[in-house]
Amino acid sequence: MIMPVRYRCRHCETEIGTLPFDADDTIRKLHLFEVGEVDDYVEKSEGGDTTVHCICEHCEDSLRQFPDYYALKKWLQ
């Protein structure tokens, strides 16, 4: 079964987009992550949905202006 992979900003929780790929196959290909990092960025729900937590352009611009925010896991309330 092909389940799409959703991409959501980890700071403001804006949905960035959805790709119609097989989630398990895509996650196996995320070889860029170190061991344990996948748990920080990839969330799999009980329903089988896969969400990759990344960063949207707006939050990326804010982080460039205020680099101290990188120390915070979630800086928007």
N, C-alpha and C. Protein backbone atom coordinates (compact mmCIF):
# COMPACT_ATOMS: atom_id res chain seq x y z
N MET A 1 0.85 -1.18 0.00
CA MET A 1 0.00 0.00 0.00
C MET A 1 0.89 1.24 0.00
N ILE A 2 0.60 2.16 -0.87
CA ILE A 2 1.38 3.39 -0.95
C ILE A 2 0.69 4.45 -0.09
N MET A 3 1.42 4.91 0.91
CA MET A 3 0.92 5.96 1.80
C MET A 3 1.77 7.20 1.52
N PRO A 4 1.17 8.35 1.33
CA PRO A 4 1.96 9.55 1.05
C PRO A 4 2.77 9.99 2.27
N VAL A 5 3.83 10.72 1.99
CA VAL A 5 4.68 11.29 3.03
C VAL A 5 4.34 12.76 3.13
N ARG A 6 3.95 13.21 4.32
CA ARG A 6 3.61 14.62 4.55
C ARG A 6 4.84 15.34 5.10
N TYR A 7 5.02 16.57 4.67
CA TYR A 7 6.11 17.41 5.17
C TYR A 7 5.49 18.57 5.91
N ARG A 8 5.90 18.75 7.17
CA ARG A 8 5.31 19.77 8.04
C ARG A 8 6.46 20.51 8.74
N CYS A 9 6.30 21.82 8.88
CA CYS A 9 7.31 22.63 9.58
C CYS A 9 7.32 22.25 11.05
N ARG A 10 8.48 21.96 11.57
CA ARG A 10 8.58 21.55 12.97
C ARG A 10 8.45 22.72 13.93
N HIS A 11 8.48 23.93 13.41
CA HIS A 11 8.36 25.10 14.28
C HIS A 11 6.94 25.67 14.30
N CYS A 12 6.38 25.97 13.13
CA CYS A 12 5.05 26.59 13.08
C CYS A 12 3.95 25.59 12.71
N GLU A 13 4.33 24.36 12.41
CA GLU A 13 3.42 23.27 12.09
C GLU A 13 2.61 23.49 10.80
N THR A 14 3.09 24.37 9.93
CA THR A 14 2.46 24.56 8.63
C THR A 14 2.73 23.34 7.77
N GLU A 15 1.70 22.85 7.09
CA GLU A 15 1.91 21.74 6.17
C GLU A 15 2.58 22.28 4.92
N ILE A 16 3.76 21.79 4.63
CA ILE A 16 4.55 22.25 3.49
C ILE A 16 4.12 21.54 2.21
N GLY A 17 3.83 20.27 2.33
CA GLY A 17 3.41 19.54 1.14
C GLY A 17 3.29 18.06 1.41
N THR A 18 2.82 17.33 0.41
CA THR A 18 2.65 15.89 0.50
C THR A 18 3.20 15.28 -0.77
N LEU A 19 3.97 14.23 -0.62
CA LEU A 19 4.51 13.52 -1.77
C LEU A 19 3.90 12.13 -1.82
N PRO A 20 3.44 11.70 -2.98
CA PRO A 20 2.77 10.41 -3.10
C PRO A 20 3.74 9.25 -3.26
N PHE A 21 4.65 9.10 -2.31
CA PHE A 21 5.62 8.02 -2.36
C PHE A 21 5.30 6.98 -1.30
N ASP A 22 5.84 5.82 -1.47
CA ASP A 22 5.74 4.78 -0.46
C ASP A 22 6.58 5.23 0.73
N ALA A 23 5.94 5.47 1.87
CA ALA A 23 6.62 6.03 3.03
C ALA A 23 7.76 5.15 3.52
N ASP A 24 7.54 3.85 3.63
CA ASP A 24 8.59 2.98 4.15
C ASP A 24 9.81 2.98 3.23
N ASP A 25 9.58 2.95 1.93
CA ASP A 25 10.68 2.97 0.97
C ASP A 25 11.42 4.30 1.04
N THR A 26 10.67 5.40 1.18
CA THR A 26 11.29 6.72 1.26
C THR A 26 12.14 6.85 2.52
N ILE A 27 11.65 6.38 3.64
CA ILE A 27 12.39 6.49 4.90
C ILE A 27 13.68 5.67 4.82
N ARG A 28 13.63 4.51 4.19
CA ARG A 28 14.84 3.71 4.04
C ARG A 28 15.89 4.46 3.23
N LYS A 29 15.45 5.31 2.33
CA LYS A 29 16.37 6.06 1.48
C LYS A 29 16.91 7.33 2.15
N LEU A 30 16.40 7.66 3.31
CA LEU A 30 16.88 8.85 4.02
C LEU A 30 18.19 8.52 4.74
N HIS A 31 19.17 8.10 3.98
CA HIS A 31 20.45 7.69 4.53
C HIS A 31 21.28 8.87 5.02
N LEU A 32 20.79 10.07 4.82
CA LEU A 32 21.51 11.26 5.27
C LEU A 32 21.47 11.41 6.78
N PHE A 33 20.48 10.79 7.42
CA PHE A 33 20.33 10.90 8.86
C PHE A 33 21.30 9.99 9.60
N GLU A 34 21.77 10.45 10.71
CA GLU A 34 22.57 9.63 11.61
C GLU A 34 21.62 8.69 12.36
N VAL A 35 22.18 7.68 13.00
CA VAL A 35 21.36 6.75 13.78
C VAL A 35 20.66 7.55 14.88
N GLY A 36 19.37 7.38 15.01
CA GLY A 36 18.58 8.08 16.03
C GLY A 36 17.97 9.37 15.55
N GLU A 37 18.56 10.01 14.52
CA GLU A 37 18.01 11.27 14.03
C GLU A 37 16.67 11.09 13.35
N VAL A 38 16.45 9.94 12.74
CA VAL A 38 15.17 9.70 12.06
C VAL A 38 14.04 9.84 13.06
N ASP A 39 14.25 9.40 14.30
CA ASP A 39 13.22 9.52 15.33
C ASP A 39 12.89 10.98 15.63
N ASP A 40 13.85 11.88 15.45
CA ASP A 40 13.63 13.30 15.71
C ASP A 40 12.85 13.98 14.59
N TYR A 41 12.97 13.48 13.37
CA TYR A 41 12.40 14.17 12.22
C TYR A 41 11.25 13.43 11.54
N VAL A 42 11.14 12.13 11.75
CA VAL A 42 10.12 11.35 11.06
C VAL A 42 9.15 10.78 12.10
N GLU A 43 7.87 11.03 11.89
CA GLU A 43 6.83 10.56 12.81
C GLU A 43 5.88 9.65 12.04
N LYS A 44 5.64 8.50 12.59
CA LYS A 44 4.70 7.56 11.97
C LYS A 44 3.52 7.39 12.92
N SER A 45 2.33 7.71 12.45
CA SER A 45 1.14 7.61 13.30
C SER A 45 0.64 6.17 13.34
N GLU A 46 -0.26 5.92 14.28
CA GLU A 46 -0.85 4.58 14.40
C GLU A 46 -1.64 4.21 13.15
N GLY A 47 -2.16 5.20 12.44
CA GLY A 47 -2.92 4.95 11.21
C GLY A 47 -2.04 4.68 10.01
N GLY A 48 -0.71 4.78 10.20
CA GLY A 48 0.21 4.51 9.11
C GLY A 48 0.69 5.73 8.36
N ASP A 49 0.18 6.91 8.72
CA ASP A 49 0.63 8.14 8.06
C ASP A 49 2.06 8.46 8.49
N THR A 50 2.85 8.97 7.55
CA THR A 50 4.23 9.35 7.85
C THR A 50 4.37 10.85 7.65
N THR A 51 4.94 11.53 8.65
CA THR A 51 5.18 12.96 8.59
C THR A 51 6.65 13.22 8.81
N VAL A 52 7.25 13.99 7.91
CA VAL A 52 8.64 14.41 8.06
C VAL A 52 8.60 15.85 8.56
N HIS A 53 9.22 16.09 9.71
CA HIS A 53 9.26 17.43 10.29
C HIS A 53 10.51 18.13 9.79
N CYS A 54 10.29 19.20 9.02
CA CYS A 54 11.40 19.95 8.45
C CYS A 54 11.18 21.42 8.78
N ILE A 55 11.56 22.33 7.92
CA ILE A 55 11.39 23.75 8.21
C ILE A 55 10.87 24.47 6.97
N CYS A 56 9.91 25.35 7.18
CA CYS A 56 9.35 26.12 6.07
C CYS A 56 10.23 27.35 5.79
N GLU A 57 10.00 27.98 4.66
CA GLU A 57 10.82 29.13 4.28
C GLU A 57 10.69 30.29 5.27
N HIS A 58 9.48 30.51 5.79
CA HIS A 58 9.27 31.62 6.73
C HIS A 58 10.10 31.41 8.00
N CYS A 59 10.03 30.21 8.56
CA CYS A 59 10.79 29.93 9.78
C CYS A 59 12.29 29.92 9.52
N GLU A 60 12.69 29.46 8.34
CA GLU A 60 14.11 29.48 7.99
C GLU A 60 14.63 30.91 7.94
N ASP A 61 13.84 31.83 7.37
CA ASP A 61 14.23 33.23 7.34
C ASP A 61 14.34 33.80 8.75
N SER A 62 13.40 33.45 9.62
CA SER A 62 13.43 33.92 11.00
C SER A 62 14.68 33.41 11.73
N LEU A 63 15.02 32.15 11.48
CA LEU A 63 16.20 31.58 12.12
C LEU A 63 17.49 32.24 11.63
N ARG A 64 17.50 32.67 10.38
CA ARG A 64 18.67 33.39 9.88
C ARG A 64 18.83 34.73 10.61
N GLN A 65 17.70 35.37 10.89
CA GLN A 65 17.74 36.67 11.57
C GLN A 65 18.04 36.52 13.06
N PHE A 66 17.58 35.41 13.66
CA PHE A 66 17.75 35.18 15.10
C PHE A 66 18.36 33.80 15.33
N PRO A 67 19.64 33.62 15.08
CA PRO A 67 20.27 32.29 15.17
C PRO A 67 20.21 31.66 16.55
N ASP A 68 19.97 32.43 17.59
CA ASP A 68 19.86 31.85 18.94
C ASP A 68 18.65 30.93 19.05
N TYR A 69 17.68 31.09 18.16
CA TYR A 69 16.49 30.23 18.18
C TYR A 69 16.82 28.77 17.87
N TYR A 70 17.96 28.51 17.23
CA TYR A 70 18.34 27.13 16.92
C TYR A 70 18.47 26.29 18.19
N ALA A 71 18.77 26.91 19.31
CA ALA A 71 18.93 26.19 20.57
C ALA A 71 17.59 25.69 21.12
N LEU A 72 16.50 26.25 20.64
CA LEU A 72 15.17 25.89 21.12
C LEU A 72 14.54 24.85 20.22
N LYS A 73 13.94 23.83 20.81
CA LYS A 73 13.26 22.81 20.00
C LYS A 73 12.03 23.40 19.32
N LYS A 74 11.28 24.21 20.04
CA LYS A 74 10.10 24.86 19.48
C LYS A 74 10.08 26.29 19.98
N TRP A 75 10.26 27.24 19.08
CA TRP A 75 10.36 28.63 19.51
C TRP A 75 9.11 29.43 19.21
N LEU A 76 8.15 28.91 18.50
CA LEU A 76 6.87 29.59 18.31
C LEU A 76 5.86 29.02 19.27
N GLN A 77 5.10 29.87 19.91
CA GLN A 77 4.10 29.42 20.88
C GLN A 77 2.73 29.41 20.28
